[in-house]
Each structure stands twice: as C-alpha cells, then as structure tokens.
Amino acid sequence: MKKLLLLLAFGLVALTGFAQNEVLVHSNDKGLYVPHTVAAKENFYSIGRLYAISPKDIASFNGVDMANGLSVGQTINIPLNNTNFSQTAQSGTPVYYVVGEKEGLYRVSVKNNKVSMASLRQWNKLSSDNISTGQKLIVGYIQSTGVPATSTNAVAATPAPRPQEQPVSANNNAAANNNNSVAANNTVPPPTQTQNTQTQTAAPSVTAAPKPAAPRQLSTSGSGYFKNQFEQQSRSSNAGKEVTANGSIFKTTSGWQDGKFYALMDGVEPGTIIRVVNPTNSKVVFAKVLGEMSGIRQNSGLDVRISNAAATALEIGEQDKFVVKVNY
C-alpha cells in the first residue's frame, strides 16, 4: 500500500512539473519551428493533423524521407508557417519566445517574422517596451487541433470543453406516463388482481431501460470558420473545380467548438479551403486541407477524408464511406 501511495505521489509531482512548461519557439535557416517528440503509434500523418500542417512539409523541413517512418522518442521539428501559425489572431495554443541578452521588443519582433509590436504588447500585457533577458513572450498562436503533451517544452493540451449533453427525452416521457397512470387510477375502478400483476411486472422494464447515449453535438452553427477564407480564395483564384468524391472520416478534437473543419485530399495544395457538400441534403461545410492521403493502405479507394466534426455538420453518420461533392 505504501509503495502504491508513493508511486501515485511521484506521478502527481511529475505531471504538475510538466504542466508548468510552455511551447517554446526555435528558429533556423528554414524559419520558425517547435520541436516534437514522437510518441507510440504516431506517424507523419497523425502529427500533421495535430499541428494542422502537411506531413510533406514536416518531412521536408527535417530533411528526412517519409518512407523511412519515425521512431518513438525521436525529436522532429514542426515548421510554423501561414497554414498553422497565426501572429494576428489571439486564439489557439500560445507559442513563447525567450528574450535574449540585450534584446528589446523591436528585436523580438524582427526575429519572429516581424510580428506586430502592438500585438506583442497586447498578448503579453506589457505597459511599456521594457523587457528583460530570459523573459518569455507570446509571439503567436498555433492554429491546430491540439498540441499534444509529447511536444518538447510543451504543456499538455487543455482538452476542448465537451458540448453539454441534451436531456434524454425518453425519461421525461416515462415520467409523464407514470403521472398519467396515477391520475387514471383515481378515476377508474381498481384493476383486477390479474391486471395488478401485469402492472407490477411491466413497471421495472420501463425504469430499468438503459439511457441512450446522447450523440456528440456541435456547439457552433453554420458551415464553419473557414467560409470567409474560401470566399476570399475564390476571388483571388477562380474556385471552379468540382469533383464527386468518395469520402471517409478522421477523428479530431477540432471543430466542435470553433467550427474549424479539416480535410485530407490528394492533388490539393495544403492550406487550400475546400467546399464540401452532402448531396443527400445539400448541407455545406468549408474545410482546410492539411495534406495528402497517398501512401496509406487505409486510404485506398478514397478521394477525401474530413474531420468527424465536419461530418456531423453535414449530417453524415459514422459510416466507413460516403459520397460528397468537393469544390475548390
């Protein structure tokens, strides 16, 4: 028992210390990045989905061949670019820069893609431009599905709040039926002994019935966060290509609260916003393409994969395959 208590105490201390770290930005001649330590069952595609970036971009940034795979415990660098890193919007996972010796706020701005000094002041609640060596400053936000706890110098990602479950109407109906039965007993003659026996045996089957699990529901409405970006993209480059695609689903925590839907699709530039239509009900969502699907056996016969939140918005069930129309 003492050994068990000691192990539990050690685990709590380790978790507490880990959660005090932040995601720290690094840079090299290729640009800004954050390091990630590969965990069990992770690959280029799953890590790409976590950081909302193409797996090919990760491989290219690290100068490695995707065909060779990744090893547990290996550290790879995740590039921060305009597809997964925002230095204008204050949303997502904050990324920190450690102020070097004799660096002022202007130098911090220059070394981090010339991020606006006004944004640096706002994000870090600075009343002046005076900063000190070793101080940690937010320089942008990762726009991803959730930075995992396996990131080097990273906090365990705060799980997205779960949507409130809807009350189960079956219970209310059962209660109403019970009330109606009581009222009926006050107005009709007492039932025979046979009727009483039937009533007593029928009641447990109602109260003992298991509650149906409430389906996960979107807390956002409409076609998603990327709709305006799709319209801007359409104006700058004619979004006239439309295909009928065989689709499937991948699971992610993104989209349920913020409406940020994602997709995987071959032959489409990562970062492109696609318009996805369910032809059975004309429901529409707009999703950002994270990368391609080629090279994975499970994707054989598929043209596109969309996030489970996007599928819910399209009123597509948890089926293996379905047909959608894609415009980009």
C-alpha atoms as a PDB file:
ATOM      1  CA  MET A   1       0.000   0.000   0.000  1.00  0.00           C
ATOM      2  CA  LYS A   2       2.819   2.391   0.879  1.00  0.00           C
ATOM      3  CA  LYS A   3       4.545   1.646  -2.432  1.00  0.00           C
ATOM      4  CA  LEU A   4       1.315   2.394  -4.305  1.00  0.00           C
ATOM      5  CA  LEU A   5       0.876   5.723  -2.492  1.00  0.00           C
ATOM      6  CA  LEU A   6       4.483   6.676  -3.224  1.00  0.00           C
ATOM      7  CA  LEU A   7       4.035   5.885  -6.917  1.00  0.00           C
ATOM      8  CA  LEU A   8       0.855   7.966  -7.087  1.00  0.00           C
ATOM      9  CA  ALA A   9       2.547  10.888  -5.345  1.00  0.00           C
ATOM     10  CA  PHE A  10       5.500  10.721  -7.739  1.00  0.00           C
ATOM     11  CA  GLY A  11       3.150  10.690 -10.724  1.00  0.00           C
ATOM     12  CA  LEU A  12       1.294  13.788  -9.482  1.00  0.00           C
ATOM     13  CA  VAL A  13       4.551  15.681  -8.938  1.00  0.00           C
ATOM     14  CA  ALA A  14       5.773  14.750 -12.433  1.00  0.00           C
ATOM     15  CA  LEU A  15       2.528  15.858 -14.069  1.00  0.00           C
ATOM     16  CA  THR A  16       2.493  19.138 -12.123  1.00  0.00           C
ATOM     17  CA  GLY A  17       6.046  19.964 -13.183  1.00  0.00           C
ATOM     18  CA  PHE A  18       5.313  19.077 -16.817  1.00  0.00           C
ATOM     19  CA  ALA A  19       2.246  21.319 -16.968  1.00  0.00           C
ATOM     20  CA  GLN A  20       4.288  24.358 -15.964  1.00  0.00           C
ATOM     21  CA  ASN A  21       6.216  24.336 -19.258  1.00  0.00           C
ATOM     22  CA  GLU A  22       5.279  26.260 -22.385  1.00  0.00           C
ATOM     23  CA  VAL A  23       5.612  25.708 -26.120  1.00  0.00           C
ATOM     24  CA  LEU A  24       8.868  27.489 -26.980  1.00  0.00           C
ATOM     25  CA  VAL A  25       9.662  28.733 -30.469  1.00  0.00           C
ATOM     26  CA  HIS A  26      13.012  27.983 -32.144  1.00  0.00           C
ATOM     27  CA  SER A  27      14.415  29.087 -35.474  1.00  0.00           C
ATOM     28  CA  ASN A  28      16.944  28.024 -38.085  1.00  0.00           C
ATOM     29  CA  ASP A  29      17.747  28.980 -41.663  1.00  0.00           C
ATOM     30  CA  LYS A  30      14.394  27.474 -42.760  1.00  0.00           C
ATOM     31  CA  GLY A  31      12.289  29.532 -40.367  1.00  0.00           C
ATOM     32  CA  LEU A  32      10.409  29.192 -37.072  1.00  0.00           C
ATOM     33  CA  TYR A  33       9.571  25.788 -35.603  1.00  0.00           C
ATOM     34  CA  VAL A  34       8.684  23.914 -32.415  1.00  0.00           C
ATOM     35  CA  PRO A  35      10.233  20.545 -31.531  1.00  0.00           C
ATOM     36  CA  HIS A  36       8.028  17.456 -31.098  1.00  0.00           C
ATOM     37  CA  THR A  37       9.000  14.139 -29.507  1.00  0.00           C
ATOM     38  CA  VAL A  38       7.436  11.186 -31.327  1.00  0.00           C
ATOM     39  CA  ALA A  39       5.143   9.052 -29.149  1.00  0.00           C
ATOM     40  CA  ALA A  40       3.974   5.491 -29.679  1.00  0.00           C
ATOM     41  CA  LYS A  41       1.696   4.949 -32.720  1.00  0.00           C
ATOM     42  CA  GLU A  42       2.464   8.422 -34.127  1.00  0.00           C
ATOM     43  CA  ASN A  43       3.467   8.938 -37.748  1.00  0.00           C
ATOM     44  CA  PHE A  44       3.899  11.837 -40.179  1.00  0.00           C
ATOM     45  CA  TYR A  45       0.161  11.950 -40.899  1.00  0.00           C
ATOM     46  CA  SER A  46      -1.101  11.885 -37.307  1.00  0.00           C
ATOM     47  CA  ILE A  47       1.450  14.523 -36.266  1.00  0.00           C
ATOM     48  CA  GLY A  48       0.494  16.612 -39.294  1.00  0.00           C
ATOM     49  CA  ARG A  49      -3.136  16.530 -38.170  1.00  0.00           C
ATOM     50  CA  LEU A  50      -2.174  17.560 -34.636  1.00  0.00           C
ATOM     51  CA  TYR A  51      -0.321  20.636 -35.874  1.00  0.00           C
ATOM     52  CA  ALA A  52      -2.586  21.364 -38.884  1.00  0.00           C
ATOM     53  CA  ILE A  53       0.290  21.054 -41.346  1.00  0.00           C
ATOM     54  CA  SER A  54       1.111  18.835 -44.310  1.00  0.00           C
ATOM     55  CA  PRO A  55       3.158  15.698 -43.490  1.00  0.00           C
ATOM     56  CA  LYS A  56       5.308  16.503 -46.544  1.00  0.00           C
ATOM     57  CA  ASP A  57       6.121  19.927 -45.039  1.00  0.00           C
ATOM     58  CA  ILE A  58       7.303  18.209 -41.838  1.00  0.00           C
ATOM     59  CA  ALA A  59       9.489  15.751 -43.763  1.00  0.00           C
ATOM     60  CA  SER A  60      10.934  18.488 -45.985  1.00  0.00           C
ATOM     61  CA  PHE A  61      11.665  20.801 -43.045  1.00  0.00           C
ATOM     62  CA  ASN A  62      13.557  17.995 -41.275  1.00  0.00           C
ATOM     63  CA  GLY A  63      15.292  16.753 -44.430  1.00  0.00           C
ATOM     64  CA  VAL A  64      14.016  13.192 -43.999  1.00  0.00           C
ATOM     65  CA  ASP A  65      12.229  10.678 -46.231  1.00  0.00           C
ATOM     66  CA  MET A  66       8.628   9.910 -45.237  1.00  0.00           C
ATOM     67  CA  ALA A  67       9.082   6.326 -46.471  1.00  0.00           C
ATOM     68  CA  ASN A  68      11.532   5.656 -43.620  1.00  0.00           C
ATOM     69  CA  GLY A  69       8.928   6.420 -40.960  1.00  0.00           C
ATOM     70  CA  LEU A  70       9.531   7.747 -37.441  1.00  0.00           C
ATOM     71  CA  SER A  71      10.892   6.191 -34.232  1.00  0.00           C
ATOM     72  CA  VAL A  72       9.405   6.503 -30.739  1.00  0.00           C
ATOM     73  CA  GLY A  73      11.394   9.109 -28.811  1.00  0.00           C
ATOM     74  CA  GLN A  74      12.706  10.766 -31.978  1.00  0.00           C
ATOM     75  CA  THR A  75      12.576  14.580 -31.956  1.00  0.00           C
ATOM     76  CA  ILE A  76      11.385  16.292 -35.112  1.00  0.00           C
ATOM     77  CA  ASN A  77      10.895  19.969 -35.814  1.00  0.00           C
ATOM     78  CA  ILE A  78       7.391  21.189 -36.696  1.00  0.00           C
ATOM     79  CA  PRO A  79       7.548  24.225 -39.013  1.00  0.00           C
ATOM     80  CA  LEU A  80       5.407  27.237 -38.150  1.00  0.00           C
ATOM     81  CA  ASN A  81       4.016  28.776 -41.316  1.00  0.00           C
ATOM     82  CA  ASN A  82       0.903  30.549 -42.548  1.00  0.00           C
ATOM     83  CA  THR A  83      -1.126  27.311 -42.565  1.00  0.00           C
ATOM     84  CA  ASN A  84      -0.796  26.509 -38.858  1.00  0.00           C
ATOM     85  CA  PHE A  85       0.647  29.606 -37.137  1.00  0.00           C
ATOM     86  CA  SER A  86      -1.115  32.924 -36.609  1.00  0.00           C
ATOM     87  CA  GLN A  87       0.558  36.122 -35.476  1.00  0.00           C
ATOM     88  CA  THR A  88      -2.595  38.211 -35.787  1.00  0.00           C
ATOM     89  CA  ALA A  89      -5.439  36.279 -34.135  1.00  0.00           C
ATOM     90  CA  GLN A  90      -5.332  35.630 -30.387  1.00  0.00           C
ATOM     91  CA  SER A  91      -6.599  32.060 -30.452  1.00  0.00           C
ATOM     92  CA  GLY A  92      -5.062  28.603 -30.337  1.00  0.00           C
ATOM     93  CA  THR A  93      -2.015  27.372 -28.419  1.00  0.00           C
ATOM     94  CA  PRO A  94       0.337  30.234 -27.401  1.00  0.00           C
ATOM     95  CA  VAL A  95       3.956  29.986 -28.559  1.00  0.00           C
ATOM     96  CA  TYR A  96       6.613  31.693 -26.427  1.00  0.00           C
ATOM     97  CA  TYR A  97       9.975  33.273 -27.241  1.00  0.00           C
ATOM     98  CA  VAL A  98      12.695  33.592 -24.597  1.00  0.00           C
ATOM     99  CA  VAL A  99      14.195  37.095 -24.660  1.00  0.00           C
ATOM    100  CA  GLY A 100      17.945  37.050 -25.269  1.00  0.00           C
ATOM    101  CA  GLU A 101      20.631  39.318 -23.829  1.00  0.00           C
ATOM    102  CA  LYS A 102      20.319  42.979 -24.850  1.00  0.00           C
ATOM    103  CA  GLU A 103      17.179  42.287 -26.890  1.00  0.00           C
ATOM    104  CA  GLY A 104      14.392  44.842 -26.957  1.00  0.00           C
ATOM    105  CA  LEU A 105      10.817  44.451 -28.118  1.00  0.00           C
ATOM    106  CA  TYR A 106      11.740  45.529 -31.656  1.00  0.00           C
ATOM    107  CA  ARG A 107      14.434  42.834 -31.892  1.00  0.00           C
ATOM    108  CA  VAL A 108      11.947  40.219 -30.631  1.00  0.00           C
ATOM    109  CA  SER A 109       9.537  41.328 -33.367  1.00  0.00           C
ATOM    110  CA  VAL A 110      12.205  41.084 -36.102  1.00  0.00           C
ATOM    111  CA  LYS A 111      13.372  37.622 -35.003  1.00  0.00           C
ATOM    112  CA  ASN A 112       9.793  36.281 -35.050  1.00  0.00           C
ATOM    113  CA  ASN A 113       8.571  37.099 -38.557  1.00  0.00           C
ATOM    114  CA  LYS A 114       8.265  40.821 -37.720  1.00  0.00           C
ATOM    115  CA  VAL A 115       5.191  40.198 -35.619  1.00  0.00           C
ATOM    116  CA  SER A 116       3.389  43.432 -34.755  1.00  0.00           C
ATOM    117  CA  MET A 117       4.802  45.141 -31.661  1.00  0.00           C
ATOM    118  CA  ALA A 118       1.255  46.183 -30.772  1.00  0.00           C
ATOM    119  CA  SER A 119       0.275  42.501 -30.711  1.00  0.00           C
ATOM    120  CA  LEU A 120       3.285  41.676 -28.522  1.00  0.00           C
ATOM    121  CA  ARG A 121       2.208  44.354 -26.046  1.00  0.00           C
ATOM    122  CA  GLN A 122      -1.411  43.160 -26.042  1.00  0.00           C
ATOM    123  CA  TRP A 123      -0.720  39.414 -25.769  1.00  0.00           C
ATOM    124  CA  ASN A 124       1.852  39.853 -23.006  1.00  0.00           C
ATOM    125  CA  LYS A 125       0.057  42.706 -21.166  1.00  0.00           C
ATOM    126  CA  LEU A 126       3.083  44.982 -21.462  1.00  0.00           C
ATOM    127  CA  SER A 127       2.613  48.546 -20.233  1.00  0.00           C
ATOM    128  CA  SER A 128       5.892  49.599 -21.909  1.00  0.00           C
ATOM    129  CA  ASP A 129       8.545  48.241 -24.282  1.00  0.00           C
ATOM    130  CA  ASN A 130      10.883  47.425 -21.402  1.00  0.00           C
ATOM    131  CA  ILE A 131      11.606  43.693 -21.321  1.00  0.00           C
ATOM    132  CA  SER A 132      14.299  41.657 -19.581  1.00  0.00           C
ATOM    133  CA  THR A 133      16.671  38.837 -20.511  1.00  0.00           C
ATOM    134  CA  GLY A 134      15.064  35.429 -20.011  1.00  0.00           C
ATOM    135  CA  GLN A 135      11.512  36.798 -20.091  1.00  0.00           C
ATOM    136  CA  LYS A 136       9.029  34.633 -22.011  1.00  0.00           C
ATOM    137  CA  LEU A 137       6.829  36.468 -24.509  1.00  0.00           C
ATOM    138  CA  ILE A 138       3.959  35.149 -26.599  1.00  0.00           C
ATOM    139  CA  VAL A 139       4.856  35.654 -30.287  1.00  0.00           C
ATOM    140  CA  GLY A 140       1.921  33.861 -31.937  1.00  0.00           C
ATOM    141  CA  TYR A 141      -0.562  31.018 -31.711  1.00  0.00           C
ATOM    142  CA  ILE A 142      -0.558  27.542 -33.224  1.00  0.00           C
ATOM    143  CA  GLN A 143      -3.832  27.068 -35.106  1.00  0.00           C
ATOM    144  CA  SER A 144      -4.077  23.310 -34.687  1.00  0.00           C
ATOM    145  CA  THR A 145      -6.298  20.527 -33.466  1.00  0.00           C
ATOM    146  CA  GLY A 146      -4.456  20.486 -30.150  1.00  0.00           C
ATOM    147  CA  VAL A 147      -0.699  20.457 -29.434  1.00  0.00           C
ATOM    148  CA  PRO A 148      -0.029  17.073 -27.812  1.00  0.00           C
ATOM    149  CA  ALA A 149       1.678  16.532 -24.477  1.00  0.00           C
ATOM    150  CA  THR A 150       4.588  14.818 -26.284  1.00  0.00           C
ATOM    151  CA  SER A 151       5.815  18.162 -27.650  1.00  0.00           C
ATOM    152  CA  THR A 152       9.190  19.113 -26.237  1.00  0.00           C
ATOM    153  CA  ASN A 153       8.774  22.016 -23.775  1.00  0.00           C
ATOM    154  CA  ALA A 154       5.005  21.827 -24.238  1.00  0.00           C
ATOM    155  CA  VAL A 155       2.115  21.841 -21.824  1.00  0.00           C
ATOM    156  CA  ALA A 156      -0.354  19.008 -22.002  1.00  0.00           C
ATOM    157  CA  ALA A 157      -3.029  20.409 -24.265  1.00  0.00           C
ATOM    158  CA  THR A 158      -6.188  21.531 -22.492  1.00  0.00           C
ATOM    159  CA  PRO A 159      -8.960  19.306 -23.810  1.00  0.00           C
ATOM    160  CA  ALA A 160     -11.692  21.068 -25.697  1.00  0.00           C
ATOM    161  CA  PRO A 161     -14.765  21.501 -23.482  1.00  0.00           C
ATOM    162  CA  ARG A 162     -17.298  18.820 -24.269  1.00  0.00           C
ATOM    163  CA  PRO A 163     -20.657  20.008 -25.548  1.00  0.00           C
ATOM    164  CA  GLN A 164     -23.404  19.809 -22.945  1.00  0.00           C
ATOM    165  CA  GLU A 165     -25.416  16.671 -23.305  1.00  0.00           C
ATOM    166  CA  GLN A 166     -29.033  17.140 -24.277  1.00  0.00           C
ATOM    167  CA  PRO A 167     -31.575  15.797 -21.759  1.00  0.00           C
ATOM    168  CA  VAL A 168     -32.873  12.371 -22.716  1.00  0.00           C
ATOM    169  CA  SER A 169     -36.496  12.826 -23.722  1.00  0.00           C
ATOM    170  CA  ALA A 170     -37.287   9.157 -23.082  1.00  0.00           C
ATOM    171  CA  ASN A 171     -37.044   9.718 -19.322  1.00  0.00           C
ATOM    172  CA  ASN A 172     -39.426  12.654 -19.486  1.00  0.00           C
ATOM    173  CA  ASN A 173     -41.893  10.567 -21.479  1.00  0.00           C
ATOM    174  CA  ALA A 174     -41.617   7.728 -18.963  1.00  0.00           C
ATOM    175  CA  ALA A 175     -42.263  10.151 -16.074  1.00  0.00           C
ATOM    176  CA  ALA A 176     -45.256  11.615 -17.890  1.00  0.00           C
ATOM    177  CA  ASN A 177     -46.640   8.131 -18.462  1.00  0.00           C
ATOM    178  CA  ASN A 178     -46.274   7.343 -14.747  1.00  0.00           C
ATOM    179  CA  ASN A 179     -48.153  10.541 -13.827  1.00  0.00           C
ATOM    180  CA  ASN A 180     -50.914   9.679 -16.289  1.00  0.00           C
ATOM    181  CA  SER A 181     -51.179   6.212 -14.750  1.00  0.00           C
ATOM    182  CA  VAL A 182     -51.617   7.703 -11.247  1.00  0.00           C
ATOM    183  CA  ALA A 183     -54.295  10.077 -12.491  1.00  0.00           C
ATOM    184  CA  ALA A 184     -56.084   7.230 -14.211  1.00  0.00           C
ATOM    185  CA  ASN A 185     -56.118   5.185 -11.005  1.00  0.00           C
ATOM    186  CA  ASN A 186     -58.037   7.999  -9.271  1.00  0.00           C
ATOM    187  CA  THR A 187     -60.860   7.926 -11.839  1.00  0.00           C
ATOM    188  CA  VAL A 188     -61.341   4.285 -12.868  1.00  0.00           C
ATOM    189  CA  PRO A 189     -62.309   1.304 -10.723  1.00  0.00           C
ATOM    190  CA  PRO A 190     -59.445  -0.671  -9.136  1.00  0.00           C
ATOM    191  CA  PRO A 191     -57.998  -3.227 -11.567  1.00  0.00           C
ATOM    192  CA  THR A 192     -58.400  -6.935 -11.047  1.00  0.00           C
ATOM    193  CA  GLN A 193     -55.652  -8.996  -9.419  1.00  0.00           C
ATOM    194  CA  THR A 194     -54.503 -10.122 -12.871  1.00  0.00           C
ATOM    195  CA  GLN A 195     -54.208  -6.527 -14.019  1.00  0.00           C
ATOM    196  CA  ASN A 196     -52.192  -5.611 -10.894  1.00  0.00           C
ATOM    197  CA  THR A 197     -49.774  -8.428 -11.617  1.00  0.00           C
ATOM    198  CA  GLN A 198     -49.306  -7.196 -15.175  1.00  0.00           C
ATOM    199  CA  THR A 199     -48.736  -3.633 -13.992  1.00  0.00           C
ATOM    200  CA  GLN A 200     -46.138  -4.686 -11.422  1.00  0.00           C
ATOM    201  CA  THR A 201     -44.206  -6.769 -13.934  1.00  0.00           C
ATOM    202  CA  ALA A 202     -44.330  -4.103 -16.651  1.00  0.00           C
ATOM    203  CA  ALA A 203     -43.078  -1.205 -14.482  1.00  0.00           C
ATOM    204  CA  PRO A 204     -39.481  -2.474 -13.938  1.00  0.00           C
ATOM    205  CA  SER A 205     -38.964  -2.843 -17.699  1.00  0.00           C
ATOM    206  CA  VAL A 206     -39.570   0.914 -18.081  1.00  0.00           C
ATOM    207  CA  THR A 207     -37.411   2.123 -15.197  1.00  0.00           C
ATOM    208  CA  ALA A 208     -34.621  -0.367 -15.869  1.00  0.00           C
ATOM    209  CA  ALA A 209     -34.255   0.568 -19.533  1.00  0.00           C
ATOM    210  CA  PRO A 210     -30.708   1.950 -20.158  1.00  0.00           C
ATOM    211  CA  LYS A 211     -30.397   5.592 -21.075  1.00  0.00           C
ATOM    212  CA  PRO A 212     -29.436   6.048 -24.721  1.00  0.00           C
ATOM    213  CA  ALA A 213     -26.085   7.778 -25.144  1.00  0.00           C
ATOM    214  CA  ALA A 214     -26.523  11.378 -26.246  1.00  0.00           C
ATOM    215  CA  PRO A 215     -24.725  11.962 -29.580  1.00  0.00           C
ATOM    216  CA  ARG A 216     -21.929  14.488 -29.599  1.00  0.00           C
ATOM    217  CA  GLN A 217     -23.273  17.751 -30.953  1.00  0.00           C
ATOM    218  CA  LEU A 218     -21.690  20.839 -32.432  1.00  0.00           C
ATOM    219  CA  SER A 219     -21.827  23.956 -30.303  1.00  0.00           C
ATOM    220  CA  THR A 220     -21.302  26.056 -33.436  1.00  0.00           C
ATOM    221  CA  SER A 221     -23.727  26.533 -36.286  1.00  0.00           C
ATOM    222  CA  GLY A 222     -23.338  27.219 -39.973  1.00  0.00           C
ATOM    223  CA  SER A 223     -20.786  25.969 -42.443  1.00  0.00           C
ATOM    224  CA  GLY A 224     -17.680  26.647 -40.375  1.00  0.00           C
ATOM    225  CA  TYR A 225     -14.842  29.014 -39.545  1.00  0.00           C
ATOM    226  CA  PHE A 226     -13.179  28.903 -42.989  1.00  0.00           C
ATOM    227  CA  LYS A 227     -16.156  30.118 -45.056  1.00  0.00           C
ATOM    228  CA  ASN A 228     -14.847  33.698 -45.400  1.00  0.00           C
ATOM    229  CA  GLN A 229     -11.381  32.435 -46.352  1.00  0.00           C
ATOM    230  CA  PHE A 230     -12.949  30.283 -49.077  1.00  0.00           C
ATOM    231  CA  GLU A 231     -14.750  33.330 -50.485  1.00  0.00           C
ATOM    232  CA  GLN A 232     -11.501  35.336 -50.487  1.00  0.00           C
ATOM    233  CA  GLN A 233      -9.690  32.393 -52.083  1.00  0.00           C
ATOM    234  CA  SER A 234     -12.409  32.180 -54.768  1.00  0.00           C
ATOM    235  CA  ARG A 235     -11.974  35.847 -55.653  1.00  0.00           C
ATOM    236  CA  SER A 236      -8.196  35.577 -55.979  1.00  0.00           C
ATOM    237  CA  SER A 237      -8.163  32.221 -57.808  1.00  0.00           C
ATOM    238  CA  ASN A 238     -11.300  31.020 -59.543  1.00  0.00           C
ATOM    239  CA  ALA A 239     -12.670  28.145 -57.437  1.00  0.00           C
ATOM    240  CA  GLY A 240     -14.311  26.441 -60.391  1.00  0.00           C
ATOM    241  CA  LYS A 241     -13.128  22.867 -59.951  1.00  0.00           C
ATOM    242  CA  GLU A 242     -15.796  20.491 -58.669  1.00  0.00           C
ATOM    243  CA  VAL A 243     -15.461  16.754 -58.179  1.00  0.00           C
ATOM    244  CA  THR A 244     -17.665  13.988 -56.812  1.00  0.00           C
ATOM    245  CA  ALA A 245     -15.517  12.254 -54.217  1.00  0.00           C
ATOM    246  CA  ASN A 246     -15.569   9.061 -52.180  1.00  0.00           C
ATOM    247  CA  GLY A 247     -15.071  10.194 -48.611  1.00  0.00           C
ATOM    248  CA  SER A 248     -14.419   8.925 -45.110  1.00  0.00           C
ATOM    249  CA  ILE A 249     -13.808  10.391 -41.639  1.00  0.00           C
ATOM    250  CA  PHE A 250     -10.826  11.001 -39.370  1.00  0.00           C
ATOM    251  CA  LYS A 251     -11.280  11.888 -35.712  1.00  0.00           C
ATOM    252  CA  THR A 252     -10.059  15.143 -34.196  1.00  0.00           C
ATOM    253  CA  THR A 253     -10.989  17.412 -31.302  1.00  0.00           C
ATOM    254  CA  SER A 254     -11.229  20.449 -33.555  1.00  0.00           C
ATOM    255  CA  GLY A 255     -14.446  21.864 -34.977  1.00  0.00           C
ATOM    256  CA  TRP A 256     -16.901  21.028 -32.223  1.00  0.00           C
ATOM    257  CA  GLN A 257     -16.482  24.397 -30.504  1.00  0.00           C
ATOM    258  CA  ASP A 258     -14.735  26.645 -33.046  1.00  0.00           C
ATOM    259  CA  GLY A 259     -16.136  25.385 -36.370  1.00  0.00           C
ATOM    260  CA  LYS A 260     -12.618  24.744 -37.732  1.00  0.00           C
ATOM    261  CA  PHE A 261     -13.109  21.779 -40.051  1.00  0.00           C
ATOM    262  CA  TYR A 262     -10.164  19.966 -41.678  1.00  0.00           C
ATOM    263  CA  ALA A 263      -9.631  17.556 -44.566  1.00  0.00           C
ATOM    264  CA  LEU A 264      -7.038  15.350 -46.266  1.00  0.00           C
ATOM    265  CA  MET A 265      -7.078  15.253 -50.071  1.00  0.00           C
ATOM    266  CA  ASP A 266      -4.629  14.283 -52.806  1.00  0.00           C
ATOM    267  CA  GLY A 267      -3.768  16.790 -55.522  1.00  0.00           C
ATOM    268  CA  VAL A 268      -4.809  19.839 -53.494  1.00  0.00           C
ATOM    269  CA  GLU A 269      -2.269  22.294 -52.073  1.00  0.00           C
ATOM    270  CA  PRO A 270      -2.136  22.124 -48.235  1.00  0.00           C
ATOM    271  CA  GLY A 271      -3.785  25.191 -46.746  1.00  0.00           C
ATOM    272  CA  THR A 272      -6.424  25.321 -49.508  1.00  0.00           C
ATOM    273  CA  ILE A 273     -10.001  25.745 -48.298  1.00  0.00           C
ATOM    274  CA  ILE A 274     -12.440  23.317 -49.926  1.00  0.00           C
ATOM    275  CA  ARG A 275     -16.237  23.440 -50.057  1.00  0.00           C
ATOM    276  CA  VAL A 276     -17.776  20.070 -49.159  1.00  0.00           C
ATOM    277  CA  VAL A 277     -21.432  19.341 -49.951  1.00  0.00           C
ATOM    278  CA  ASN A 278     -23.536  16.397 -48.818  1.00  0.00           C
ATOM    279  CA  PRO A 279     -25.630  15.702 -51.967  1.00  0.00           C
ATOM    280  CA  THR A 280     -28.340  13.904 -49.986  1.00  0.00           C
ATOM    281  CA  ASN A 281     -29.384  17.008 -48.020  1.00  0.00           C
ATOM    282  CA  SER A 282     -27.367  19.924 -49.586  1.00  0.00           C
ATOM    283  CA  LYS A 283     -25.599  20.634 -46.271  1.00  0.00           C
ATOM    284  CA  VAL A 284     -22.293  22.539 -46.782  1.00  0.00           C
ATOM    285  CA  VAL A 285     -19.071  22.917 -44.782  1.00  0.00           C
ATOM    286  CA  PHE A 286     -15.742  24.592 -45.553  1.00  0.00           C
ATOM    287  CA  ALA A 287     -12.597  22.705 -44.548  1.00  0.00           C
ATOM    288  CA  LYS A 288      -8.855  23.417 -44.649  1.00  0.00           C
ATOM    289  CA  VAL A 289      -6.721  20.778 -46.391  1.00  0.00           C
ATOM    290  CA  LEU A 290      -3.896  19.568 -44.125  1.00  0.00           C
ATOM    291  CA  GLY A 291      -2.162  17.288 -46.609  1.00  0.00           C
ATOM    292  CA  GLU A 292      -2.457  14.297 -48.906  1.00  0.00           C
ATOM    293  CA  MET A 293      -3.620  10.728 -48.252  1.00  0.00           C
ATOM    294  CA  SER A 294      -1.385   8.798 -50.655  1.00  0.00           C
ATOM    295  CA  GLY A 295       0.881   6.099 -49.301  1.00  0.00           C
ATOM    296  CA  ILE A 296      -1.524   4.811 -46.630  1.00  0.00           C
ATOM    297  CA  ARG A 297      -3.276   1.494 -47.271  1.00  0.00           C
ATOM    298  CA  GLN A 298      -6.394   2.511 -45.292  1.00  0.00           C
ATOM    299  CA  ASN A 299      -6.991   5.347 -47.777  1.00  0.00           C
ATOM    300  CA  SER A 300      -7.275   3.015 -50.771  1.00  0.00           C
ATOM    301  CA  GLY A 301     -10.383   3.881 -52.793  1.00  0.00           C
ATOM    302  CA  LEU A 302     -10.872   7.224 -51.047  1.00  0.00           C
ATOM    303  CA  ASP A 303     -10.611  10.706 -52.548  1.00  0.00           C
ATOM    304  CA  VAL A 304     -11.027  12.769 -49.360  1.00  0.00           C
ATOM    305  CA  ARG A 305     -11.157  12.405 -45.590  1.00  0.00           C
ATOM    306  CA  ILE A 306     -12.990  15.008 -43.468  1.00  0.00           C
ATOM    307  CA  SER A 307     -12.910  15.569 -39.715  1.00  0.00           C
ATOM    308  CA  ASN A 308     -15.668  13.969 -37.655  1.00  0.00           C
ATOM    309  CA  ALA A 309     -16.977  17.423 -36.665  1.00  0.00           C
ATOM    310  CA  ALA A 310     -17.333  18.295 -40.362  1.00  0.00           C
ATOM    311  CA  ALA A 311     -19.174  15.017 -40.963  1.00  0.00           C
ATOM    312  CA  THR A 312     -21.566  15.825 -38.112  1.00  0.00           C
ATOM    313  CA  ALA A 313     -22.246  19.266 -39.596  1.00  0.00           C
ATOM    314  CA  LEU A 314     -23.055  17.542 -42.911  1.00  0.00           C
ATOM    315  CA  GLU A 315     -25.335  15.109 -41.038  1.00  0.00           C
ATOM    316  CA  ILE A 316     -23.207  12.174 -42.179  1.00  0.00           C
ATOM    317  CA  GLY A 317     -23.235   9.235 -39.785  1.00  0.00           C
ATOM    318  CA  GLU A 318     -20.236   7.222 -38.612  1.00  0.00           C
ATOM    319  CA  GLN A 319     -20.133   5.174 -41.827  1.00  0.00           C
ATOM    320  CA  ASP A 320     -16.943   3.900 -43.445  1.00  0.00           C
ATOM    321  CA  LYS A 321     -17.565   5.522 -46.842  1.00  0.00           C
ATOM    322  CA  PHE A 322     -19.873   8.137 -48.315  1.00  0.00           C
ATOM    323  CA  VAL A 323     -20.103  10.388 -51.368  1.00  0.00           C
ATOM    324  CA  VAL A 324     -19.637  14.170 -51.260  1.00  0.00           C
ATOM    325  CA  LYS A 325     -19.146  16.955 -53.788  1.00  0.00           C
ATOM    326  CA  VAL A 326     -15.950  18.972 -53.370  1.00  0.00           C
ATOM    327  CA  ASN A 327     -15.352  22.425 -54.838  1.00  0.00           C
ATOM    328  CA  TYR A 328     -12.051  24.365 -54.726  1.00  0.00           C
END
